[in-house]
């Protein structure tokens, strides 16, 4: 089983989600750690292979958790956030830029874990 590593404030953000959402995301992350893929996990477009997102709808709100399974040493949670926009499904460019930045940081952490 791969370890689970939260990048930046992703753990704090996830803890602010409703309990039902935390449970769904937790199970998805557990499956990723075991080498599987949750039924609700979908590839996040325009970031690269091995970056997935779980979208959870809860009482009219949408919560997203982005993680990567492409690195060797661990599953890295890159970002967790509540989608604020009520129209359109596209992820805002600012969020995509943040995910890419955190993916780069996760790669650095993964390399450091080799030492």
PDB file of N, CA and C in Angstrom:
ATOM      1  N   UNK A   1       0.852  -1.186   0.000  1.00  0.00           N
ATOM      2  CA  UNK A   1       0.000   0.000   0.000  1.00  0.00           C
ATOM      3  C   UNK A   1       0.893   1.243   0.000  1.00  0.00           C
ATOM      4  N   UNK A   2       0.611   2.147  -0.942  1.00  0.00           N
ATOM      5  CA  UNK A   2       1.380   3.398  -1.019  1.00  0.00           C
ATOM      6  C   UNK A   2       0.957   4.338   0.105  1.00  0.00           C
ATOM      7  N   UNK A   3       1.915   5.105   0.642  1.00  0.00           N
ATOM      8  CA  UNK A   3       1.527   6.135   1.613  1.00  0.00           C
ATOM      9  C   UNK A   3       0.720   7.242   0.937  1.00  0.00           C
ATOM     10  N   UNK A   4       0.006   7.999   1.756  1.00  0.00           N
ATOM     11  CA  UNK A   4      -0.800   9.123   1.282  1.00  0.00           C
ATOM     12  C   UNK A   4      -0.156  10.401   1.797  1.00  0.00           C
ATOM     13  N   UNK A   5       0.160  11.319   0.886  1.00  0.00           N
ATOM     14  CA  UNK A   5       0.805  12.579   1.260  1.00  0.00           C
ATOM     15  C   UNK A   5      -0.043  13.737   0.747  1.00  0.00           C
ATOM     16  N   UNK A   6      -0.326  14.662   1.658  1.00  0.00           N
ATOM     17  CA  UNK A   6      -1.096  15.856   1.306  1.00  0.00           C
ATOM     18  C   UNK A   6      -0.126  16.987   0.999  1.00  0.00           C
ATOM     19  N   UNK A   7      -0.312  17.644  -0.128  1.00  0.00           N
ATOM     20  CA  UNK A   7       0.534  18.753  -0.550  1.00  0.00           C
ATOM     21  C   UNK A   7      -0.144  20.063  -0.128  1.00  0.00           C
ATOM     22  N   UNK A   8       0.675  20.954   0.456  1.00  0.00           N
ATOM     23  CA  UNK A   8       0.222  22.285   0.889  1.00  0.00           C
ATOM     24  C   UNK A   8      -0.953  22.158   1.864  1.00  0.00           C
ATOM     25  N   UNK A   9      -2.043  22.883   1.618  1.00  0.00           N
ATOM     26  CA  UNK A   9      -3.166  22.910   2.566  1.00  0.00           C
ATOM     27  C   UNK A   9      -4.287  21.932   2.194  1.00  0.00           C
ATOM     28  N   UNK A  10      -3.996  20.958   1.358  1.00  0.00           N
ATOM     29  CA  UNK A  10      -5.057  20.065   0.875  1.00  0.00           C
ATOM     30  C   UNK A  10      -5.712  19.266   2.000  1.00  0.00           C
ATOM     31  N   UNK A  11      -4.957  18.887   3.024  1.00  0.00           N
ATOM     32  CA  UNK A  11      -5.543  18.119   4.134  1.00  0.00           C
ATOM     33  C   UNK A  11      -6.499  18.995   4.944  1.00  0.00           C
ATOM     34  N   UNK A  12      -6.063  20.213   5.252  1.00  0.00           N
ATOM     35  CA  UNK A  12      -6.919  21.136   5.997  1.00  0.00           C
ATOM     36  C   UNK A  12      -8.221  21.405   5.243  1.00  0.00           C
ATOM     37  N   UNK A  13      -8.092  21.614   3.933  1.00  0.00           N
ATOM     38  CA  UNK A  13      -9.274  21.885   3.109  1.00  0.00           C
ATOM     39  C   UNK A  13     -10.222  20.686   3.105  1.00  0.00           C
ATOM     40  N   UNK A  14      -9.673  19.493   3.001  1.00  0.00           N
ATOM     41  CA  UNK A  14     -10.498  18.281   2.988  1.00  0.00           C
ATOM     42  C   UNK A  14     -11.242  18.113   4.314  1.00  0.00           C
ATOM     43  N   UNK A  15     -10.606  18.465   5.407  1.00  0.00           N
ATOM     44  CA  UNK A  15     -11.240  18.353   6.726  1.00  0.00           C
ATOM     45  C   UNK A  15     -12.401  19.323   6.904  1.00  0.00           C
ATOM     46  N   UNK A  16     -12.481  20.337   6.050  1.00  0.00           N
ATOM     47  CA  UNK A  16     -13.590  21.290   6.109  1.00  0.00           C
ATOM     48  C   UNK A  16     -14.801  20.819   5.301  1.00  0.00           C
ATOM     49  N   UNK A  17     -14.644  19.768   4.513  1.00  0.00           N
ATOM     50  CA  UNK A  17     -15.757  19.218   3.736  1.00  0.00           C
ATOM     51  C   UNK A  17     -16.752  18.540   4.683  1.00  0.00           C
ATOM     52  N   UNK A  18     -18.023  18.418   4.255  1.00  0.00           N
ATOM     53  CA  UNK A  18     -18.987  17.656   5.050  1.00  0.00           C
ATOM     54  C   UNK A  18     -18.504  16.208   5.247  1.00  0.00           C
ATOM     55  N   UNK A  19     -18.903  15.602   6.352  1.00  0.00           N
ATOM     56  CA  UNK A  19     -18.453  14.237   6.694  1.00  0.00           C
ATOM     57  C   UNK A  19     -18.727  13.238   5.569  1.00  0.00           C
ATOM     58  N   UNK A  20     -19.895  13.320   4.935  1.00  0.00           N
ATOM     59  CA  UNK A  20     -20.231  12.373   3.862  1.00  0.00           C
ATOM     60  C   UNK A  20     -19.257  12.495   2.702  1.00  0.00           C
ATOM     61  N   UNK A  21     -18.851  13.716   2.391  1.00  0.00           N
ATOM     62  CA  UNK A  21     -17.892  13.954   1.313  1.00  0.00           C
ATOM     63  C   UNK A  21     -16.518  13.437   1.734  1.00  0.00           C
ATOM     64  N   UNK A  22     -16.133  13.701   2.982  1.00  0.00           N
ATOM     65  CA  UNK A  22     -14.856  13.195   3.480  1.00  0.00           C
ATOM     66  C   UNK A  22     -14.781  11.680   3.369  1.00  0.00           C
ATOM     67  N   UNK A  23     -15.881  11.003   3.681  1.00  0.00           N
ATOM     68  CA  UNK A  23     -15.905   9.541   3.602  1.00  0.00           C
ATOM     69  C   UNK A  23     -15.747   9.059   2.165  1.00  0.00           C
ATOM     70  N   UNK A  24     -16.443   9.699   1.235  1.00  0.00           N
ATOM     71  CA  UNK A  24     -16.331   9.300  -0.166  1.00  0.00           C
ATOM     72  C   UNK A  24     -14.908   9.517  -0.674  1.00  0.00           C
ATOM     73  N   UNK A  25     -14.352  10.678  -0.393  1.00  0.00           N
ATOM     74  CA  UNK A  25     -12.994  10.995  -0.847  1.00  0.00           C
ATOM     75  C   UNK A  25     -11.994  10.074  -0.161  1.00  0.00           C
ATOM     76  N   UNK A  26     -12.185   9.827   1.123  1.00  0.00           N
ATOM     77  CA  UNK A  26     -11.295   8.933   1.853  1.00  0.00           C
ATOM     78  C   UNK A  26     -11.260   7.546   1.245  1.00  0.00           C
ATOM     79  N   UNK A  27     -12.419   7.031   0.864  1.00  0.00           N
ATOM     80  CA  UNK A  27     -12.476   5.711   0.241  1.00  0.00           C
ATOM     81  C   UNK A  27     -11.792   5.724  -1.126  1.00  0.00           C
ATOM     82  N   UNK A  28     -11.999   6.802  -1.883  1.00  0.00           N
ATOM     83  CA  UNK A  28     -11.345   6.923  -3.197  1.00  0.00           C
ATOM     84  C   UNK A  28      -9.827   6.949  -3.036  1.00  0.00           C
ATOM     85  N   UNK A  29      -9.346   7.673  -2.031  1.00  0.00           N
ATOM     86  CA  UNK A  29      -7.901   7.751  -1.798  1.00  0.00           C
ATOM     87  C   UNK A  29      -7.356   6.406  -1.321  1.00  0.00           C
ATOM     88  N   UNK A  30      -8.112   5.715  -0.495  1.00  0.00           N
ATOM     89  CA  UNK A  30      -7.713   4.377  -0.052  1.00  0.00           C
ATOM     90  C   UNK A  30      -7.577   3.443  -1.256  1.00  0.00           C
ATOM     91  N   UNK A  31      -8.549   3.480  -2.143  1.00  0.00           N
ATOM     92  CA  UNK A  31      -8.475   2.633  -3.340  1.00  0.00           C
ATOM     93  C   UNK A  31      -7.248   2.978  -4.174  1.00  0.00           C
ATOM     94  N   UNK A  32      -6.929   4.264  -4.283  1.00  0.00           N
ATOM     95  CA  UNK A  32      -5.741   4.682  -5.026  1.00  0.00           C
ATOM     96  C   UNK A  32      -4.479   4.142  -4.348  1.00  0.00           C
ATOM     97  N   UNK A  33      -4.440   4.195  -3.027  1.00  0.00           N
ATOM     98  CA  UNK A  33      -3.288   3.674  -2.299  1.00  0.00           C
ATOM     99  C   UNK A  33      -3.103   2.173  -2.545  1.00  0.00           C
ATOM    100  N   UNK A  34      -4.205   1.472  -2.745  1.00  0.00           N
ATOM    101  CA  UNK A  34      -4.170   0.030  -2.965  1.00  0.00           C
ATOM    102  C   UNK A  34      -3.953  -0.327  -4.445  1.00  0.00           C
ATOM    103  N   UNK A  35      -3.816   0.705  -5.286  1.00  0.00           N
ATOM    104  CA  UNK A  35      -3.568   0.473  -6.708  1.00  0.00           C
ATOM    105  C   UNK A  35      -4.821   0.428  -7.556  1.00  0.00           C
ATOM    106  N   UNK A  36      -5.963   0.734  -6.962  1.00  0.00           N
ATOM    107  CA  UNK A  36      -7.229   0.709  -7.691  1.00  0.00           C
ATOM    108  C   UNK A  36      -7.699   2.111  -8.047  1.00  0.00           C
ATOM    109  N   UNK A  37      -8.935   2.176  -8.538  1.00  0.00           N
ATOM    110  CA  UNK A  37      -9.516   3.459  -8.939  1.00  0.00           C
ATOM    111  C   UNK A  37     -10.983   3.469  -8.539  1.00  0.00           C
ATOM    112  N   UNK A  38     -11.378   4.484  -7.816  1.00  0.00           N
ATOM    113  CA  UNK A  38     -12.769   4.658  -7.382  1.00  0.00           C
ATOM    114  C   UNK A  38     -13.651   4.887  -8.604  1.00  0.00           C
ATOM    115  N   UNK A  39     -14.855   4.414  -8.537  1.00  0.00           N
ATOM    116  CA  UNK A  39     -15.794   4.541  -9.655  1.00  0.00           C
ATOM    117  C   UNK A  39     -16.060   6.006 -10.020  1.00  0.00           C
ATOM    118  N   UNK A  40     -15.952   6.917  -9.054  1.00  0.00           N
ATOM    119  CA  UNK A  40     -16.193   8.340  -9.299  1.00  0.00           C
ATOM    120  C   UNK A  40     -14.925   9.105  -9.684  1.00  0.00           C
ATOM    121  N   UNK A  41     -13.771   8.465  -9.661  1.00  0.00           N
ATOM    122  CA  UNK A  41     -12.510   9.147  -9.997  1.00  0.00           C
ATOM    123  C   UNK A  41     -12.374   9.261 -11.513  1.00  0.00           C
ATOM    124  N   UNK A  42     -12.136  10.473 -11.964  1.00  0.00           N
ATOM    125  CA  UNK A  42     -12.008  10.746 -13.403  1.00  0.00           C
ATOM    126  C   UNK A  42     -10.689  11.468 -13.670  1.00  0.00           C
ATOM    127  N   UNK A  43     -10.082  11.229 -14.821  1.00  0.00           N
ATOM    128  CA  UNK A  43      -8.856  11.968 -15.158  1.00  0.00           C
ATOM    129  C   UNK A  43      -9.135  13.474 -15.227  1.00  0.00           C
ATOM    130  N   UNK A  44      -8.214  14.242 -14.691  1.00  0.00           N
ATOM    131  CA  UNK A  44      -8.327  15.698 -14.781  1.00  0.00           C
ATOM    132  C   UNK A  44      -7.642  16.119 -16.071  1.00  0.00           C
ATOM    133  N   UNK A  45      -8.409  16.695 -16.966  1.00  0.00           N
ATOM    134  CA  UNK A  45      -7.890  17.057 -18.290  1.00  0.00           C
ATOM    135  C   UNK A  45      -6.870  18.192 -18.208  1.00  0.00           C
ATOM    136  N   UNK A  46      -5.961  18.193 -19.145  1.00  0.00           N
ATOM    137  CA  UNK A  46      -4.973  19.259 -19.326  1.00  0.00           C
ATOM    138  C   UNK A  46      -3.919  19.348 -18.228  1.00  0.00           C
ATOM    139  N   UNK A  47      -3.745  18.276 -17.465  1.00  0.00           N
ATOM    140  CA  UNK A  47      -2.711  18.275 -16.436  1.00  0.00           C
ATOM    141  C   UNK A  47      -1.688  17.190 -16.707  1.00  0.00           C
ATOM    142  N   UNK A  48      -2.140  16.068 -17.206  1.00  0.00           N
ATOM    143  CA  UNK A  48      -1.234  14.970 -17.488  1.00  0.00           C
ATOM    144  C   UNK A  48      -1.801  13.661 -16.986  1.00  0.00           C
ATOM    145  N   UNK A  49      -1.256  12.585 -17.481  1.00  0.00           N
ATOM    146  CA  UNK A  49      -1.716  11.254 -17.099  1.00  0.00           C
ATOM    147  C   UNK A  49      -1.477  11.024 -15.616  1.00  0.00           C
ATOM    148  N   UNK A  50      -2.382  10.294 -15.006  1.00  0.00           N
ATOM    149  CA  UNK A  50      -2.214   9.925 -13.611  1.00  0.00           C
ATOM    150  C   UNK A  50      -2.691  10.958 -12.615  1.00  0.00           C
ATOM    151  N   UNK A  51      -3.307  12.043 -13.094  1.00  0.00           N
ATOM    152  CA  UNK A  51      -3.899  13.036 -12.194  1.00  0.00           C
ATOM    153  C   UNK A  51      -5.416  12.867 -12.278  1.00  0.00           C
ATOM    154  N   UNK A  52      -6.015  12.577 -11.136  1.00  0.00           N
ATOM    155  CA  UNK A  52      -7.442  12.261 -11.080  1.00  0.00           C
ATOM    156  C   UNK A  52      -8.171  13.237 -10.176  1.00  0.00           C
ATOM    157  N   UNK A  53      -9.475  13.303 -10.360  1.00  0.00           N
ATOM    158  CA  UNK A  53     -10.291  14.121  -9.465  1.00  0.00           C
ATOM    159  C   UNK A  53     -11.548  13.350  -9.104  1.00  0.00           C
ATOM    160  N   UNK A  54     -11.956  13.534  -7.863  1.00  0.00           N
ATOM    161  CA  UNK A  54     -13.220  12.996  -7.383  1.00  0.00           C
ATOM    162  C   UNK A  54     -14.130  14.192  -7.159  1.00  0.00           C
ATOM    163  N   UNK A  55     -15.277  14.171  -7.820  1.00  0.00           N
ATOM    164  CA  UNK A  55     -16.264  15.243  -7.670  1.00  0.00           C
ATOM    165  C   UNK A  55     -17.391  14.698  -6.803  1.00  0.00           C
ATOM    166  N   UNK A  56     -17.664  15.402  -5.705  1.00  0.00           N
ATOM    167  CA  UNK A  56     -18.704  14.977  -4.770  1.00  0.00           C
ATOM    168  C   UNK A  56     -19.768  16.057  -4.668  1.00  0.00           C
ATOM    169  N   UNK A  57     -21.000  15.684  -4.949  1.00  0.00           N
ATOM    170  CA  UNK A  57     -22.116  16.615  -4.788  1.00  0.00           C
ATOM    171  C   UNK A  57     -22.789  16.316  -3.454  1.00  0.00           C
ATOM    172  N   UNK A  58     -23.022  17.369  -2.692  1.00  0.00           N
ATOM    173  CA  UNK A  58     -23.624  17.195  -1.368  1.00  0.00           C
ATOM    174  C   UNK A  58     -24.527  18.381  -1.069  1.00  0.00           C
ATOM    175  N   UNK A  59     -25.815  18.118  -0.968  1.00  0.00           N
ATOM    176  CA  UNK A  59     -26.805  19.141  -0.609  1.00  0.00           C
ATOM    177  C   UNK A  59     -26.699  20.398  -1.461  1.00  0.00           C
ATOM    178  N   UNK A  60     -26.529  20.202  -2.758  1.00  0.00           N
ATOM    179  CA  UNK A  60     -26.489  21.317  -3.687  1.00  0.00           C
ATOM    180  C   UNK A  60     -25.122  21.949  -3.869  1.00  0.00           C
ATOM    181  N   UNK A  61     -24.134  21.480  -3.131  1.00  0.00           N
ATOM    182  CA  UNK A  61     -22.776  21.997  -3.270  1.00  0.00           C
ATOM    183  C   UNK A  61     -21.892  20.943  -3.934  1.00  0.00           C
ATOM    184  N   UNK A  62     -20.853  21.398  -4.595  1.00  0.00           N
ATOM    185  CA  UNK A  62     -19.930  20.494  -5.275  1.00  0.00           C
ATOM    186  C   UNK A  62     -18.540  20.648  -4.677  1.00  0.00           C
ATOM    187  N   UNK A  63     -17.942  19.519  -4.335  1.00  0.00           N
ATOM    188  CA  UNK A  63     -16.608  19.478  -3.747  1.00  0.00           C
ATOM    189  C   UNK A  63     -15.706  18.657  -4.651  1.00  0.00           C
ATOM    190  N   UNK A  64     -14.477  19.125  -4.833  1.00  0.00           N
ATOM    191  CA  UNK A  64     -13.537  18.439  -5.713  1.00  0.00           C
ATOM    192  C   UNK A  64     -12.240  18.157  -4.970  1.00  0.00           C
ATOM    193  N   UNK A  65     -11.718  16.982  -5.205  1.00  0.00           N
ATOM    194  CA  UNK A  65     -10.421  16.600  -4.644  1.00  0.00           C
ATOM    195  C   UNK A  65      -9.574  16.070  -5.785  1.00  0.00           C
ATOM    196  N   UNK A  66      -8.381  16.619  -5.930  1.00  0.00           N
ATOM    197  CA  UNK A  66      -7.471  16.267  -7.023  1.00  0.00           C
ATOM    198  C   UNK A  66      -6.257  15.565  -6.419  1.00  0.00           C
ATOM    199  N   UNK A  67      -5.894  14.436  -7.006  1.00  0.00           N
ATOM    200  CA  UNK A  67      -4.735  13.688  -6.525  1.00  0.00           C
ATOM    201  C   UNK A  67      -4.012  13.038  -7.691  1.00  0.00           C
ATOM    202  N   UNK A  68      -2.782  12.597  -7.418  1.00  0.00           N
ATOM    203  CA  UNK A  68      -2.021  11.923  -8.464  1.00  0.00           C
ATOM    204  C   UNK A  68      -1.556  10.552  -7.989  1.00  0.00           C
ATOM    205  N   UNK A  69      -1.612   9.612  -8.912  1.00  0.00           N
ATOM    206  CA  UNK A  69      -1.127   8.255  -8.663  1.00  0.00           C
ATOM    207  C   UNK A  69       0.087   7.960  -9.536  1.00  0.00           C
ATOM    208  N   UNK A  70       0.553   8.958 -10.272  1.00  0.00           N
ATOM    209  CA  UNK A  70       1.602   8.698 -11.265  1.00  0.00           C
ATOM    210  C   UNK A  70       3.007   8.666 -10.678  1.00  0.00           C
ATOM    211  N   UNK A  71       3.159   9.133  -9.444  1.00  0.00           N
ATOM    212  CA  UNK A  71       4.482   9.137  -8.835  1.00  0.00           C
ATOM    213  C   UNK A  71       4.724   7.817  -8.102  1.00  0.00           C
ATOM    214  N   UNK A  72       5.975   7.459  -8.001  1.00  0.00           N
ATOM    215  CA  UNK A  72       6.344   6.115  -7.553  1.00  0.00           C
ATOM    216  C   UNK A  72       6.160   5.864  -6.065  1.00  0.00           C
ATOM    217  N   UNK A  73       6.471   6.840  -5.233  1.00  0.00           N
ATOM    218  CA  UNK A  73       6.585   6.592  -3.799  1.00  0.00           C
ATOM    219  C   UNK A  73       5.287   6.726  -3.001  1.00  0.00           C
ATOM    220  N   UNK A  74       4.307   7.462  -3.525  1.00  0.00           N
ATOM    221  CA  UNK A  74       3.096   7.734  -2.741  1.00  0.00           C
ATOM    222  C   UNK A  74       1.964   8.216  -3.641  1.00  0.00           C
ATOM    223  N   UNK A  75       0.772   8.273  -3.050  1.00  0.00           N
ATOM    224  CA  UNK A  75      -0.369   8.958  -3.658  1.00  0.00           C
ATOM    225  C   UNK A  75      -0.364  10.354  -3.049  1.00  0.00           C
ATOM    226  N   UNK A  76      -0.381  11.368  -3.888  1.00  0.00           N
ATOM    227  CA  UNK A  76      -0.298  12.761  -3.437  1.00  0.00           C
ATOM    228  C   UNK A  76      -1.630  13.463  -3.669  1.00  0.00           C
ATOM    229  N   UNK A  77      -2.190  14.030  -2.599  1.00  0.00           N
ATOM    230  CA  UNK A  77      -3.392  14.844  -2.718  1.00  0.00           C
ATOM    231  C   UNK A  77      -2.931  16.261  -3.020  1.00  0.00           C
ATOM    232  N   UNK A  78      -3.302  16.754  -4.190  1.00  0.00           N
ATOM    233  CA  UNK A  78      -2.805  18.039  -4.672  1.00  0.00           C
ATOM    234  C   UNK A  78      -3.679  19.218  -4.271  1.00  0.00           C
ATOM    235  N   UNK A  79      -4.999  19.004  -4.248  1.00  0.00           N
ATOM    236  CA  UNK A  79      -5.896  20.128  -3.975  1.00  0.00           C
ATOM    237  C   UNK A  79      -7.267  19.591  -3.596  1.00  0.00           C
ATOM    238  N   UNK A  80      -7.922  20.287  -2.685  1.00  0.00           N
ATOM    239  CA  UNK A  80      -9.302  19.979  -2.309  1.00  0.00           C
ATOM    240  C   UNK A  80     -10.014  21.319  -2.181  1.00  0.00           C
ATOM    241  N   UNK A  81     -11.147  21.436  -2.851  1.00  0.00           N
ATOM    242  CA  UNK A  81     -11.837  22.729  -2.845  1.00  0.00           C
ATOM    243  C   UNK A  81     -13.317  22.551  -3.130  1.00  0.00           C
ATOM    244  N   UNK A  82     -14.084  23.562  -2.738  1.00  0.00           N
ATOM    245  CA  UNK A  82     -15.508  23.596  -3.050  1.00  0.00           C
ATOM    246  C   UNK A  82     -15.680  24.443  -4.291  1.00  0.00           C
ATOM    247  N   UNK A  83     -16.370  23.893  -5.278  1.00  0.00           N
ATOM    248  CA  UNK A  83     -16.620  24.632  -6.511  1.00  0.00           C
ATOM    249  C   UNK A  83     -17.676  25.696  -6.225  1.00  0.00           C
ATOM    250  N   UNK A  84     -17.336  26.932  -6.519  1.00  0.00           N
ATOM    251  CA  UNK A  84     -18.223  28.058  -6.192  1.00  0.00           C
ATOM    252  C   UNK A  84     -19.154  28.424  -7.342  1.00  0.00           C
ATOM    253  N   UNK A  85     -18.688  28.276  -8.569  1.00  0.00           N
ATOM    254  CA  UNK A  85     -19.477  28.686  -9.730  1.00  0.00           C
ATOM    255  C   UNK A  85     -20.701  27.790  -9.885  1.00  0.00           C
ATOM    256  N   UNK A  86     -21.826  28.376 -10.123  1.00  0.00           N
ATOM    257  CA  UNK A  86     -23.064  27.619 -10.304  1.00  0.00           C
ATOM    258  C   UNK A  86     -23.342  27.308 -11.769  1.00  0.00           C
ATOM    259  N   UNK A  87     -22.508  27.831 -12.675  1.00  0.00           N
ATOM    260  CA  UNK A  87     -22.716  27.546 -14.095  1.00  0.00           C
ATOM    261  C   UNK A  87     -21.394  27.084 -14.706  1.00  0.00           C
ATOM    262  N   UNK A  88     -21.503  26.148 -15.575  1.00  0.00           N
ATOM    263  CA  UNK A  88     -20.312  25.623 -16.241  1.00  0.00           C
ATOM    264  C   UNK A  88     -19.606  24.597 -15.379  1.00  0.00           C
ATOM    265  N   UNK A  89     -19.000  23.597 -16.034  1.00  0.00           N
ATOM    266  CA  UNK A  89     -18.313  22.559 -15.291  1.00  0.00           C
ATOM    267  C   UNK A  89     -16.808  22.708 -15.364  1.00  0.00           C
ATOM    268  N   UNK A  90     -16.330  23.644 -16.155  1.00  0.00           N
ATOM    269  CA  UNK A  90     -14.892  23.810 -16.345  1.00  0.00           C
ATOM    270  C   UNK A  90     -14.225  24.245 -15.044  1.00  0.00           C
ATOM    271  N   UNK A  91     -13.058  23.695 -14.812  1.00  0.00           N
ATOM    272  CA  UNK A  91     -12.256  24.090 -13.658  1.00  0.00           C
ATOM    273  C   UNK A  91     -11.551  25.395 -14.008  1.00  0.00           C
ATOM    274  N   UNK A  92     -11.635  26.404 -13.139  1.00  0.00           N
ATOM    275  CA  UNK A  92     -11.013  27.700 -13.436  1.00  0.00           C
ATOM    276  C   UNK A  92      -9.505  27.574 -13.682  1.00  0.00           C
ATOM    277  N   UNK A  93      -8.993  28.444 -14.540  1.00  0.00           N
ATOM    278  CA  UNK A  93      -7.565  28.421 -14.885  1.00  0.00           C
ATOM    279  C   UNK A  93      -6.690  28.575 -13.645  1.00  0.00           C
ATOM    280  N   UNK A  94      -7.095  29.421 -12.716  1.00  0.00           N
ATOM    281  CA  UNK A  94      -6.301  29.627 -11.497  1.00  0.00           C
ATOM    282  C   UNK A  94      -6.164  28.326 -10.700  1.00  0.00           C
ATOM    283  N   UNK A  95      -7.222  27.541 -10.668  1.00  0.00           N
ATOM    284  CA  UNK A  95      -7.183  26.252  -9.963  1.00  0.00           C
ATOM    285  C   UNK A  95      -6.285  25.280 -10.722  1.00  0.00           C
ATOM    286  N   UNK A  96      -6.399  25.263 -12.035  1.00  0.00           N
ATOM    287  CA  UNK A  96      -5.555  24.366 -12.837  1.00  0.00           C
ATOM    288  C   UNK A  96      -4.077  24.722 -12.669  1.00  0.00           C
ATOM    289  N   UNK A  97      -3.769  26.014 -12.634  1.00  0.00           N
ATOM    290  CA  UNK A  97      -2.388  26.450 -12.425  1.00  0.00           C
ATOM    291  C   UNK A  97      -1.879  26.002 -11.061  1.00  0.00           C
ATOM    292  N   UNK A  98      -2.727  26.116 -10.050  1.00  0.00           N
ATOM    293  CA  UNK A  98      -2.355  25.678  -8.704  1.00  0.00           C
ATOM    294  C   UNK A  98      -2.097  24.171  -8.664  1.00  0.00           C
ATOM    295  N   UNK A  99      -2.950  23.405  -9.318  1.00  0.00           N
ATOM    296  CA  UNK A  99      -2.775  21.951  -9.372  1.00  0.00           C
ATOM    297  C   UNK A  99      -1.448  21.602 -10.055  1.00  0.00           C
ATOM    298  N   UNK A 100      -1.141  22.272 -11.144  1.00  0.00           N
ATOM    299  CA  UNK A 100       0.121  22.006 -11.852  1.00  0.00           C
ATOM    300  C   UNK A 100       1.323  22.340 -10.979  1.00  0.00           C
ATOM    301  N   UNK A 101       1.227  23.444 -10.244  1.00  0.00           N
ATOM    302  CA  UNK A 101       2.289  23.856  -9.323  1.00  0.00           C
ATOM    303  C   UNK A 101       2.488  22.800  -8.233  1.00  0.00           C
ATOM    304  N   UNK A 102       1.379  22.317  -7.688  1.00  0.00           N
ATOM    305  CA  UNK A 102       1.457  21.318  -6.621  1.00  0.00           C
ATOM    306  C   UNK A 102       1.904  19.958  -7.145  1.00  0.00           C
ATOM    307  N   UNK A 103       1.595  19.662  -8.381  1.00  0.00           N
ATOM    308  CA  UNK A 103       2.086  18.427  -8.985  1.00  0.00           C
ATOM    309  C   UNK A 103       3.606  18.478  -9.090  1.00  0.00           C
ATOM    310  N   UNK A 104       4.117  19.630  -9.451  1.00  0.00           N
ATOM    311  CA  UNK A 104       5.570  19.802  -9.516  1.00  0.00           C
ATOM    312  C   UNK A 104       6.183  19.629  -8.128  1.00  0.00           C
ATOM    313  N   UNK A 105       5.532  20.187  -7.111  1.00  0.00           N
ATOM    314  CA  UNK A 105       6.027  20.038  -5.736  1.00  0.00           C
ATOM    315  C   UNK A 105       5.967  18.570  -5.304  1.00  0.00           C
ATOM    316  N   UNK A 106       4.900  17.874  -5.663  1.00  0.00           N
ATOM    317  CA  UNK A 106       4.779  16.447  -5.326  1.00  0.00           C
ATOM    318  C   UNK A 106       5.908  15.650  -5.974  1.00  0.00           C
ATOM    319  N   UNK A 107       6.279  16.004  -7.194  1.00  0.00           N
ATOM    320  CA  UNK A 107       7.401  15.335  -7.870  1.00  0.00           C
ATOM    321  C   UNK A 107       8.694  15.544  -7.099  1.00  0.00           C
ATOM    322  N   UNK A 108       8.887  16.763  -6.591  1.00  0.00           N
ATOM    323  CA  UNK A 108      10.079  17.052  -5.784  1.00  0.00           C
ATOM    324  C   UNK A 108      10.073  16.224  -4.499  1.00  0.00           C
ATOM    325  N   UNK A 109       8.950  16.175  -3.832  1.00  0.00           N
ATOM    326  CA  UNK A 109       8.828  15.394  -2.596  1.00  0.00           C
ATOM    327  C   UNK A 109       9.108  13.926  -2.889  1.00  0.00           C
ATOM    328  N   UNK A 110       8.568  13.419  -3.991  1.00  0.00           N
ATOM    329  CA  UNK A 110       8.750  12.013  -4.352  1.00  0.00           C
ATOM    330  C   UNK A 110      10.234  11.701  -4.572  1.00  0.00           C
ATOM    331  N   UNK A 111      10.945  12.615  -5.242  1.00  0.00           N
ATOM    332  CA  UNK A 111      12.384  12.404  -5.460  1.00  0.00           C
ATOM    333  C   UNK A 111      13.138  12.426  -4.136  1.00  0.00           C
ATOM    334  N   UNK A 112      12.762  13.333  -3.231  1.00  0.00           N
ATOM    335  CA  UNK A 112      13.414  13.440  -1.929  1.00  0.00           C
ATOM    336  C   UNK A 112      13.205  12.176  -1.085  1.00  0.00           C
ATOM    337  N   UNK A 113      12.082  11.505  -1.279  1.00  0.00           N
ATOM    338  CA  UNK A 113      11.788  10.294  -0.511  1.00  0.00           C
ATOM    339  C   UNK A 113      12.709   9.139  -0.891  1.00  0.00           C
ATOM    340  N   UNK A 114      13.373   9.241  -2.024  1.00  0.00           N
ATOM    341  CA  UNK A 114      14.302   8.190  -2.464  1.00  0.00           C
ATOM    342  C   UNK A 114      15.561   8.181  -1.622  1.00  0.00           C
ATOM    343  N   UNK A 115      15.910   9.317  -1.066  1.00  0.00           N
ATOM    344  CA  UNK A 115      17.186   9.465  -0.359  1.00  0.00           C
ATOM    345  C   UNK A 115      17.156   8.792   0.989  1.00  0.00           C
TER     346      UNK A 115
END
